[in-house]
Amino acid sequence: MRLRELPHFARMRREEAFRAADKAEWHAAADRIAGTAGWYSVAGTHADWDCRLIHFATAAEAEAMQRWIAESGIETRPAPARVEAGRLTVGSYNTKPD
C-alpha cells in the first residue's frame, strides 16, 4: 500500500551492509528531502537485485535523493568490519573435578 503512495524512487547500488553512521546519514538525507513520513526504503528485486530502492511521492524528491547518493559517494564507502568471534565446540567443557 505504501509503495503505491510513493511511486518514484532513487536507486542506491550496494551489496554490503552499511555502517551505522552511513545508514543514519542517508536516512537523514531522505528526511531532509521528503520529511520523516515522506519516503520508504525496500531492497530491490529482479533487475534491481543489488540495490536499495528509496521511494518518494514526487519525481523531484527521487531525483534530489539520486543526486545526493552520487555526490556523497555512499555507494562506495567501506562496509563495517566483521567481528570474528570464537566458536563453541562439542566436548570443550571439562566436567571432571580436579
PDB file of N, CA and C in Angstrom:
ATOM      1  N   MET A   1       0.820  -1.192   0.000  1.00  0.00           N
ATOM      2  CA  MET A   1       0.000   0.000   0.000  1.00  0.00           C
ATOM      3  C   MET A   1       0.868   1.262   0.000  1.00  0.00           C
ATOM      4  N   ARG A   2       1.917   1.237   0.829  1.00  0.00           N
ATOM      5  CA  ARG A   2       2.802   2.404   0.934  1.00  0.00           C
ATOM      6  C   ARG A   2       3.523   2.658  -0.384  1.00  0.00           C
ATOM      7  N   LEU A   3       3.878   1.602  -1.102  1.00  0.00           N
ATOM      8  CA  LEU A   3       4.583   1.772  -2.375  1.00  0.00           C
ATOM      9  C   LEU A   3       3.706   2.426  -3.432  1.00  0.00           C
ATOM     10  N   ARG A   4       2.416   2.231  -3.359  1.00  0.00           N
ATOM     11  CA  ARG A   4       1.512   2.902  -4.311  1.00  0.00           C
ATOM     12  C   ARG A   4       1.458   4.401  -4.065  1.00  0.00           C
ATOM     13  N   GLU A   5       1.581   4.801  -2.799  1.00  0.00           N
ATOM     14  CA  GLU A   5       1.572   6.218  -2.448  1.00  0.00           C
ATOM     15  C   GLU A   5       2.871   6.907  -2.851  1.00  0.00           C
ATOM     16  N   LEU A   6       3.939   6.123  -2.938  1.00  0.00           N
ATOM     17  CA  LEU A   6       5.266   6.664  -3.230  1.00  0.00           C
ATOM     18  C   LEU A   6       5.843   5.978  -4.474  1.00  0.00           C
ATOM     19  N   PRO A   7       5.364   6.356  -5.662  1.00  0.00           N
ATOM     20  CA  PRO A   7       5.726   5.624  -6.883  1.00  0.00           C
ATOM     21  C   PRO A   7       7.115   5.934  -7.456  1.00  0.00           C
ATOM     22  N   HIS A   8       7.732   7.044  -7.076  1.00  0.00           N
ATOM     23  CA  HIS A   8       9.033   7.432  -7.639  1.00  0.00           C
ATOM     24  C   HIS A   8      10.143   6.964  -6.713  1.00  0.00           C
ATOM     25  N   PHE A   9      11.270   6.554  -7.287  1.00  0.00           N
ATOM     26  CA  PHE A   9      12.330   6.034  -6.422  1.00  0.00           C
ATOM     27  C   PHE A   9      13.718   6.406  -6.920  1.00  0.00           C
ATOM     28  N   ALA A  10      14.649   6.374  -5.963  1.00  0.00           N
ATOM     29  CA  ALA A  10      16.073   6.538  -6.245  1.00  0.00           C
ATOM     30  C   ALA A  10      16.725   5.187  -5.982  1.00  0.00           C
ATOM     31  N   ARG A  11      17.748   4.850  -6.768  1.00  0.00           N
ATOM     32  CA  ARG A  11      18.457   3.575  -6.614  1.00  0.00           C
ATOM     33  C   ARG A  11      19.792   3.805  -5.920  1.00  0.00           C
ATOM     34  N   MET A  12      20.053   2.992  -4.909  1.00  0.00           N
ATOM     35  CA  MET A  12      21.351   3.008  -4.255  1.00  0.00           C
ATOM     36  C   MET A  12      21.952   1.619  -4.444  1.00  0.00           C
ATOM     37  N   ARG A  13      22.945   1.505  -5.328  1.00  0.00           N
ATOM     38  CA  ARG A  13      23.550   0.205  -5.635  1.00  0.00           C
ATOM     39  C   ARG A  13      24.609  -0.136  -4.593  1.00  0.00           C
ATOM     40  N   ARG A  14      24.323  -1.185  -3.829  1.00  0.00           N
ATOM     41  CA  ARG A  14      25.258  -1.626  -2.802  1.00  0.00           C
ATOM     42  C   ARG A  14      24.853  -3.003  -2.316  1.00  0.00           C
ATOM     43  N   GLU A  15      25.805  -3.939  -2.296  1.00  0.00           N
ATOM     44  CA  GLU A  15      25.533  -5.292  -1.819  1.00  0.00           C
ATOM     45  C   GLU A  15      25.849  -5.442  -0.335  1.00  0.00           C
ATOM     46  N   GLU A  16      26.902  -4.783   0.140  1.00  0.00           N
ATOM     47  CA  GLU A  16      27.319  -4.916   1.528  1.00  0.00           C
ATOM     48  C   GLU A  16      26.396  -4.123   2.456  1.00  0.00           C
ATOM     49  N   ALA A  17      26.485  -4.450   3.735  1.00  0.00           N
ATOM     50  CA  ALA A  17      25.731  -3.712   4.746  1.00  0.00           C
ATOM     51  C   ALA A  17      26.350  -2.324   4.929  1.00  0.00           C
ATOM     52  N   PHE A  18      25.574  -1.410   5.475  1.00  0.00           N
ATOM     53  CA  PHE A  18      26.065  -0.068   5.765  1.00  0.00           C
ATOM     54  C   PHE A  18      26.603  -0.011   7.187  1.00  0.00           C
ATOM     55  N   ARG A  19      27.600   0.842   7.408  1.00  0.00           N
ATOM     56  CA  ARG A  19      27.997   1.150   8.775  1.00  0.00           C
ATOM     57  C   ARG A  19      26.860   1.964   9.387  1.00  0.00           C
ATOM     58  N   ALA A  20      26.746   1.951  10.693  1.00  0.00           N
ATOM     59  CA  ALA A  20      25.655   2.656  11.378  1.00  0.00           C
ATOM     60  C   ALA A  20      25.650   4.144  11.029  1.00  0.00           C
ATOM     61  N   ALA A  21      26.808   4.758  10.962  1.00  0.00           N
ATOM     62  CA  ALA A  21      26.893   6.185  10.642  1.00  0.00           C
ATOM     63  C   ALA A  21      26.429   6.464   9.215  1.00  0.00           C
ATOM     64  N   ASP A  22      26.780   5.590   8.271  1.00  0.00           N
ATOM     65  CA  ASP A  22      26.357   5.770   6.877  1.00  0.00           C
ATOM     66  C   ASP A  22      24.847   5.611   6.741  1.00  0.00           C
ATOM     67  N   LYS A  23      24.298   4.614   7.429  1.00  0.00           N
ATOM     68  CA  LYS A  23      22.851   4.403   7.390  1.00  0.00           C
ATOM     69  C   LYS A  23      22.119   5.620   7.965  1.00  0.00           C
ATOM     70  N   ALA A  24      22.611   6.128   9.070  1.00  0.00           N
ATOM     71  CA  ALA A  24      21.997   7.319   9.677  1.00  0.00           C
ATOM     72  C   ALA A  24      22.102   8.520   8.742  1.00  0.00           C
ATOM     73  N   GLU A  25      23.217   8.620   8.016  1.00  0.00           N
ATOM     74  CA  GLU A  25      23.413   9.747   7.104  1.00  0.00           C
ATOM     75  C   GLU A  25      22.429   9.717   5.938  1.00  0.00           C
ATOM     76  N   TRP A  26      22.231   8.540   5.318  1.00  0.00           N
ATOM     77  CA  TRP A  26      21.306   8.535   4.183  1.00  0.00           C
ATOM     78  C   TRP A  26      19.857   8.640   4.653  1.00  0.00           C
ATOM     79  N   HIS A  27      19.559   8.150   5.856  1.00  0.00           N
ATOM     80  CA  HIS A  27      18.206   8.345   6.409  1.00  0.00           C
ATOM     81  C   HIS A  27      17.954   9.833   6.651  1.00  0.00           C
ATOM     82  N   ALA A  28      18.955  10.538   7.183  1.00  0.00           N
ATOM     83  CA  ALA A  28      18.822  11.974   7.420  1.00  0.00           C
ATOM     84  C   ALA A  28      18.647  12.736   6.102  1.00  0.00           C
ATOM     85  N   ALA A  29      19.366  12.308   5.067  1.00  0.00           N
ATOM     86  CA  ALA A  29      19.228  12.951   3.757  1.00  0.00           C
ATOM     87  C   ALA A  29      17.815  12.753   3.209  1.00  0.00           C
ATOM     88  N   ALA A  30      17.272  11.557   3.334  1.00  0.00           N
ATOM     89  CA  ALA A  30      15.905  11.297   2.878  1.00  0.00           C
ATOM     90  C   ALA A  30      14.904  12.101   3.691  1.00  0.00           C
ATOM     91  N   ASP A  31      15.133  12.225   4.995  1.00  0.00           N
ATOM     92  CA  ASP A  31      14.257  13.035   5.845  1.00  0.00           C
ATOM     93  C   ASP A  31      14.287  14.499   5.433  1.00  0.00           C
ATOM     94  N   ARG A  32      15.476  15.029   5.104  1.00  0.00           N
ATOM     95  CA  ARG A  32      15.581  16.418   4.659  1.00  0.00           C
ATOM     96  C   ARG A  32      14.844  16.635   3.346  1.00  0.00           C
ATOM     97  N   ILE A  33      14.926  15.673   2.457  1.00  0.00           N
ATOM     98  CA  ILE A  33      14.319  15.817   1.134  1.00  0.00           C
ATOM     99  C   ILE A  33      12.803  15.693   1.190  1.00  0.00           C
ATOM    100  N   ALA A  34      12.284  14.705   1.938  1.00  0.00           N
ATOM    101  CA  ALA A  34      10.843  14.428   1.876  1.00  0.00           C
ATOM    102  C   ALA A  34      10.134  14.449   3.228  1.00  0.00           C
ATOM    103  N   GLY A  35      10.837  14.716   4.305  1.00  0.00           N
ATOM    104  CA  GLY A  35      10.209  14.657   5.621  1.00  0.00           C
ATOM    105  C   GLY A  35      10.258  13.235   6.155  1.00  0.00           C
ATOM    106  N   THR A  36      10.040  13.094   7.447  1.00  0.00           N
ATOM    107  CA  THR A  36      10.200  11.783   8.070  1.00  0.00           C
ATOM    108  C   THR A  36       9.190  10.755   7.590  1.00  0.00           C
ATOM    109  N   ALA A  37       8.015  11.168   7.175  1.00  0.00           N
ATOM    110  CA  ALA A  37       6.997  10.215   6.715  1.00  0.00           C
ATOM    111  C   ALA A  37       6.853  10.205   5.198  1.00  0.00           C
ATOM    112  N   GLY A  38       7.738  10.908   4.487  1.00  0.00           N
ATOM    113  CA  GLY A  38       7.584  11.058   3.050  1.00  0.00           C
ATOM    114  C   GLY A  38       8.404  10.132   2.189  1.00  0.00           C
ATOM    115  N   TRP A  39       9.036   9.113   2.771  1.00  0.00           N
ATOM    116  CA  TRP A  39       9.840   8.184   1.978  1.00  0.00           C
ATOM    117  C   TRP A  39       9.749   6.798   2.587  1.00  0.00           C
ATOM    118  N   TYR A  40      10.153   5.816   1.770  1.00  0.00           N
ATOM    119  CA  TYR A  40      10.095   4.413   2.180  1.00  0.00           C
ATOM    120  C   TYR A  40      11.209   3.676   1.462  1.00  0.00           C
ATOM    121  N   SER A  41      11.892   2.783   2.159  1.00  0.00           N
ATOM    122  CA  SER A  41      13.025   2.074   1.575  1.00  0.00           C
ATOM    123  C   SER A  41      12.769   0.577   1.551  1.00  0.00           C
ATOM    124  N   VAL A  42      13.088  -0.060   0.418  1.00  0.00           N
ATOM    125  CA  VAL A  42      12.971  -1.512   0.278  1.00  0.00           C
ATOM    126  C   VAL A  42      14.182  -2.042  -0.484  1.00  0.00           C
ATOM    127  N   ALA A  43      14.464  -3.313  -0.297  1.00  0.00           N
ATOM    128  CA  ALA A  43      15.528  -3.963  -1.075  1.00  0.00           C
ATOM    129  C   ALA A  43      15.020  -4.205  -2.485  1.00  0.00           C
ATOM    130  N   GLY A  44      15.875  -4.030  -3.466  1.00  0.00           N
ATOM    131  CA  GLY A  44      15.488  -4.248  -4.852  1.00  0.00           C
ATOM    132  C   GLY A  44      15.316  -5.726  -5.170  1.00  0.00           C
ATOM    133  N   THR A  45      14.513  -6.007  -6.177  1.00  0.00           N
ATOM    134  CA  THR A  45      14.304  -7.377  -6.630  1.00  0.00           C
ATOM    135  C   THR A  45      14.520  -7.450  -8.129  1.00  0.00           C
ATOM    136  N   HIS A  46      14.688  -8.636  -8.648  1.00  0.00           N
ATOM    137  CA  HIS A  46      14.856  -8.919 -10.077  1.00  0.00           C
ATOM    138  C   HIS A  46      15.948  -8.056 -10.700  1.00  0.00           C
ATOM    139  N   ALA A  47      15.607  -7.052 -11.498  1.00  0.00           N
ATOM    140  CA  ALA A  47      16.600  -6.233 -12.192  1.00  0.00           C
ATOM    141  C   ALA A  47      17.391  -5.362 -11.226  1.00  0.00           C
ATOM    142  N   ASP A  48      16.821  -5.052 -10.065  1.00  0.00           N
ATOM    143  CA  ASP A  48      17.472  -4.197  -9.076  1.00  0.00           C
ATOM    144  C   ASP A  48      17.974  -5.012  -7.889  1.00  0.00           C
ATOM    145  N   TRP A  49      18.493  -6.208  -8.148  1.00  0.00           N
ATOM    146  CA  TRP A  49      18.846  -7.150  -7.089  1.00  0.00           C
ATOM    147  C   TRP A  49      19.838  -6.570  -6.086  1.00  0.00           C
ATOM    148  N   ASP A  50      20.867  -5.887  -6.554  1.00  0.00           N
ATOM    149  CA  ASP A  50      21.896  -5.364  -5.653  1.00  0.00           C
ATOM    150  C   ASP A  50      21.644  -3.912  -5.248  1.00  0.00           C
ATOM    151  N   CYS A  51      20.399  -3.486  -5.273  1.00  0.00           N
ATOM    152  CA  CYS A  51      20.049  -2.097  -4.976  1.00  0.00           C
ATOM    153  C   CYS A  51      19.152  -1.987  -3.758  1.00  0.00           C
ATOM    154  N   ARG A  52      19.163  -0.808  -3.187  1.00  0.00           N
ATOM    155  CA  ARG A  52      18.156  -0.411  -2.213  1.00  0.00           C
ATOM    156  C   ARG A  52      17.343   0.659  -2.925  1.00  0.00           C
ATOM    157  N   LEU A  53      16.033   0.494  -2.973  1.00  0.00           N
ATOM    158  CA  LEU A  53      15.157   1.457  -3.631  1.00  0.00           C
ATOM    159  C   LEU A  53      14.533   2.349  -2.565  1.00  0.00           C
ATOM    160  N   ILE A  54      14.698   3.647  -2.728  1.00  0.00           N
ATOM    161  CA  ILE A  54      14.161   4.612  -1.777  1.00  0.00           C
ATOM    162  C   ILE A  54      13.024   5.341  -2.485  1.00  0.00           C
ATOM    163  N   HIS A  55      11.804   5.060  -2.063  1.00  0.00           N
ATOM    164  CA  HIS A  55      10.602   5.575  -2.724  1.00  0.00           C
ATOM    165  C   HIS A  55      10.185   6.934  -2.185  1.00  0.00           C
ATOM    166  N   PHE A  56       9.687   7.787  -3.092  1.00  0.00           N
ATOM    167  CA  PHE A  56       9.229   9.132  -2.764  1.00  0.00           C
ATOM    168  C   PHE A  56       7.914   9.410  -3.481  1.00  0.00           C
ATOM    169  N   ALA A  57       7.221  10.457  -3.050  1.00  0.00           N
ATOM    170  CA  ALA A  57       5.935  10.821  -3.642  1.00  0.00           C
ATOM    171  C   ALA A  57       6.094  11.526  -4.981  1.00  0.00           C
ATOM    172  N   THR A  58       7.165  12.290  -5.147  1.00  0.00           N
ATOM    173  CA  THR A  58       7.339  13.049  -6.387  1.00  0.00           C
ATOM    174  C   THR A  58       8.645  12.687  -7.078  1.00  0.00           C
ATOM    175  N   ALA A  59       8.673  12.925  -8.375  1.00  0.00           N
ATOM    176  CA  ALA A  59       9.887  12.668  -9.151  1.00  0.00           C
ATOM    177  C   ALA A  59      11.005  13.610  -8.728  1.00  0.00           C
ATOM    178  N   ALA A  60      10.675  14.843  -8.336  1.00  0.00           N
ATOM    179  CA  ALA A  60      11.691  15.804  -7.909  1.00  0.00           C
ATOM    180  C   ALA A  60      12.408  15.327  -6.648  1.00  0.00           C
ATOM    181  N   GLU A  61      11.671  14.740  -5.704  1.00  0.00           N
ATOM    182  CA  GLU A  61      12.290  14.211  -4.487  1.00  0.00           C
ATOM    183  C   GLU A  61      13.206  13.039  -4.810  1.00  0.00           C
ATOM    184  N   ALA A  62      12.756  12.147  -5.690  1.00  0.00           N
ATOM    185  CA  ALA A  62      13.572  10.996  -6.083  1.00  0.00           C
ATOM    186  C   ALA A  62      14.846  11.460  -6.791  1.00  0.00           C
ATOM    187  N   GLU A  63      14.742  12.470  -7.637  1.00  0.00           N
ATOM    188  CA  GLU A  63      15.913  13.000  -8.334  1.00  0.00           C
ATOM    189  C   GLU A  63      16.881  13.666  -7.363  1.00  0.00           C
ATOM    190  N   ALA A  64      16.339  14.376  -6.375  1.00  0.00           N
ATOM    191  CA  ALA A  64      17.194  15.013  -5.371  1.00  0.00           C
ATOM    192  C   ALA A  64      17.953  13.963  -4.565  1.00  0.00           C
ATOM    193  N   MET A  65      17.289  12.883  -4.221  1.00  0.00           N
ATOM    194  CA  MET A  65      17.955  11.814  -3.477  1.00  0.00           C
ATOM    195  C   MET A  65      19.004  11.124  -4.341  1.00  0.00           C
ATOM    196  N   GLN A  66      18.698  10.879  -5.610  1.00  0.00           N
ATOM    197  CA  GLN A  66      19.660  10.254  -6.526  1.00  0.00           C
ATOM    198  C   GLN A  66      20.889  11.140  -6.665  1.00  0.00           C
ATOM    199  N   ARG A  67      20.684  12.445  -6.735  1.00  0.00           N
ATOM    200  CA  ARG A  67      21.794  13.389  -6.820  1.00  0.00           C
ATOM    201  C   ARG A  67      22.641  13.334  -5.533  1.00  0.00           C
ATOM    202  N   TRP A  68      21.971  13.265  -4.363  1.00  0.00           N
ATOM    203  CA  TRP A  68      22.697  13.181  -3.093  1.00  0.00           C
ATOM    204  C   TRP A  68      23.521  11.888  -3.034  1.00  0.00           C
ATOM    205  N   ILE A  69      22.957  10.782  -3.487  1.00  0.00           N
ATOM    206  CA  ILE A  69      23.670   9.499  -3.497  1.00  0.00           C
ATOM    207  C   ILE A  69      24.943   9.613  -4.328  1.00  0.00           C
ATOM    208  N   ALA A  70      24.841  10.220  -5.504  1.00  0.00           N
ATOM    209  CA  ALA A  70      26.003  10.371  -6.388  1.00  0.00           C
ATOM    210  C   ALA A  70      27.052  11.299  -5.780  1.00  0.00           C
ATOM    211  N   GLU A  71      26.619  12.413  -5.200  1.00  0.00           N
ATOM    212  CA  GLU A  71      27.552  13.396  -4.651  1.00  0.00           C
ATOM    213  C   GLU A  71      28.216  12.923  -3.363  1.00  0.00           C
ATOM    214  N   SER A  72      27.499  12.150  -2.556  1.00  0.00           N
ATOM    215  CA  SER A  72      28.036  11.725  -1.261  1.00  0.00           C
ATOM    216  C   SER A  72      29.014  10.564  -1.379  1.00  0.00           C
ATOM    217  N   GLY A  73      28.896   9.771  -2.440  1.00  0.00           N
ATOM    218  CA  GLY A  73      29.758   8.607  -2.607  1.00  0.00           C
ATOM    219  C   GLY A  73      29.420   7.474  -1.648  1.00  0.00           C
ATOM    220  N   ILE A  74      28.221   7.456  -1.133  1.00  0.00           N
ATOM    221  CA  ILE A  74      27.829   6.468  -0.122  1.00  0.00           C
ATOM    222  C   ILE A  74      27.838   5.041  -0.657  1.00  0.00           C
ATOM    223  N   GLU A  75      27.646   4.879  -1.938  1.00  0.00           N
ATOM    224  CA  GLU A  75      27.622   3.530  -2.528  1.00  0.00           C
ATOM    225  C   GLU A  75      28.990   2.849  -2.470  1.00  0.00           C
ATOM    226  N   THR A  76      30.064   3.624  -2.444  1.00  0.00           N
ATOM    227  CA  THR A  76      31.408   3.056  -2.490  1.00  0.00           C
ATOM    228  C   THR A  76      32.139   3.097  -1.148  1.00  0.00           C
ATOM    229  N   ARG A  77      31.470   3.512  -0.104  1.00  0.00           N
ATOM    230  CA  ARG A  77      32.101   3.549   1.214  1.00  0.00           C
ATOM    231  C   ARG A  77      32.324   2.132   1.728  1.00  0.00           C
ATOM    232  N   PRO A  78      33.324   1.951   2.586  1.00  0.00           N
ATOM    233  CA  PRO A  78      33.608   0.609   3.084  1.00  0.00           C
ATOM    234  C   PRO A  78      32.495   0.070   3.985  1.00  0.00           C
ATOM    235  N   ALA A  79      32.346  -1.240   3.946  1.00  0.00           N
ATOM    236  CA  ALA A  79      31.364  -1.915   4.802  1.00  0.00           C
ATOM    237  C   ALA A  79      31.912  -2.001   6.219  1.00  0.00           C
ATOM    238  N   PRO A  80      31.052  -2.269   7.197  1.00  0.00           N
ATOM    239  CA  PRO A  80      31.550  -2.412   8.560  1.00  0.00           C
ATOM    240  C   PRO A  80      32.478  -3.628   8.677  1.00  0.00           C
ATOM    241  N   ALA A  81      33.414  -3.541   9.583  1.00  0.00           N
ATOM    242  CA  ALA A  81      34.355  -4.643   9.796  1.00  0.00           C
ATOM    243  C   ALA A  81      33.617  -5.826  10.422  1.00  0.00           C
ATOM    244  N   ARG A  82      33.983  -7.006   9.973  1.00  0.00           N
ATOM    245  CA  ARG A  82      33.368  -8.216  10.543  1.00  0.00           C
ATOM    246  C   ARG A  82      34.013  -8.537  11.877  1.00  0.00           C
ATOM    247  N   VAL A  83      33.204  -8.996  12.788  1.00  0.00           N
ATOM    248  CA  VAL A  83      33.702  -9.387  14.101  1.00  0.00           C
ATOM    249  C   VAL A  83      33.914 -10.894  14.089  1.00  0.00           C
ATOM    250  N   GLU A  84      35.144 -11.299  14.325  1.00  0.00           N
ATOM    251  CA  GLU A  84      35.457 -12.724  14.366  1.00  0.00           C
ATOM    252  C   GLU A  84      35.382 -13.186  15.816  1.00  0.00           C
ATOM    253  N   ALA A  85      34.359 -13.942  16.127  1.00  0.00           N
ATOM    254  CA  ALA A  85      34.186 -14.451  17.489  1.00  0.00           C
ATOM    255  C   ALA A  85      34.587 -15.920  17.533  1.00  0.00           C
ATOM    256  N   GLY A  86      35.027 -16.365  18.708  1.00  0.00           N
ATOM    257  CA  GLY A  86      35.371 -17.770  18.871  1.00  0.00           C
ATOM    258  C   GLY A  86      34.131 -18.635  18.757  1.00  0.00           C
ATOM    259  N   ARG A  87      34.318 -19.862  18.378  1.00  0.00           N
ATOM    260  CA  ARG A  87      33.184 -20.775  18.216  1.00  0.00           C
ATOM    261  C   ARG A  87      33.230 -21.838  19.300  1.00  0.00           C
ATOM    262  N   LEU A  88      32.078 -22.213  19.783  1.00  0.00           N
ATOM    263  CA  LEU A  88      31.987 -23.284  20.756  1.00  0.00           C
ATOM    264  C   LEU A  88      32.026 -24.621  20.037  1.00  0.00           C
ATOM    265  N   THR A  89      32.678 -25.573  20.638  1.00  0.00           N
ATOM    266  CA  THR A  89      32.726 -26.917  20.059  1.00  0.00           C
ATOM    267  C   THR A  89      32.197 -27.916  21.072  1.00  0.00           C
ATOM    268  N   VAL A  90      31.749 -29.030  20.607  1.00  0.00           N
ATOM    269  CA  VAL A  90      31.239 -30.083  21.474  1.00  0.00           C
ATOM    270  C   VAL A  90      32.409 -30.714  22.222  1.00  0.00           C
ATOM    271  N   GLY A  91      32.251 -30.917  23.521  1.00  0.00           N
ATOM    272  CA  GLY A  91      33.275 -31.566  24.308  1.00  0.00           C
ATOM    273  C   GLY A  91      34.386 -30.655  24.769  1.00  0.00           C
ATOM    274  N   SER A  92      34.240 -29.355  24.614  1.00  0.00           N
ATOM    275  CA  SER A  92      35.313 -28.457  25.045  1.00  0.00           C
ATOM    276  C   SER A  92      35.188 -28.056  26.507  1.00  0.00           C
ATOM    277  N   TYR A  93      34.148 -28.469  27.180  1.00  0.00           N
ATOM    278  CA  TYR A  93      33.931 -28.113  28.576  1.00  0.00           C
ATOM    279  C   TYR A  93      34.390 -29.259  29.473  1.00  0.00           C
ATOM    280  N   ASN A  94      35.240 -28.992  30.425  1.00  0.00           N
ATOM    281  CA  ASN A  94      35.778 -30.004  31.335  1.00  0.00           C
ATOM    282  C   ASN A  94      34.803 -30.225  32.496  1.00  0.00           C
ATOM    283  N   THR A  95      34.215 -31.422  32.615  1.00  0.00           N
ATOM    284  CA  THR A  95      33.251 -31.702  33.674  1.00  0.00           C
ATOM    285  C   THR A  95      33.844 -32.489  34.827  1.00  0.00           C
ATOM    286  N   LYS A  96      35.087 -32.920  34.723  1.00  0.00           N
ATOM    287  CA  LYS A  96      35.730 -33.698  35.786  1.00  0.00           C
ATOM    288  C   LYS A  96      36.292 -32.776  36.850  1.00  0.00           C
ATOM    289  N   PRO A  97      36.086 -33.092  38.130  1.00  0.00           N
ATOM    290  CA  PRO A  97      36.678 -32.270  39.188  1.00  0.00           C
ATOM    291  C   PRO A  97      38.179 -32.547  39.286  1.00  0.00           C
ATOM    292  N   ASP A  98      38.946 -31.554  39.664  1.00  0.00           N
ATOM    293  CA  ASP A  98      40.402 -31.703  39.788  1.00  0.00           C
ATOM    294  C   ASP A  98      40.788 -32.424  41.050  1.00  0.00           C
TER     295      ASP A  98
END
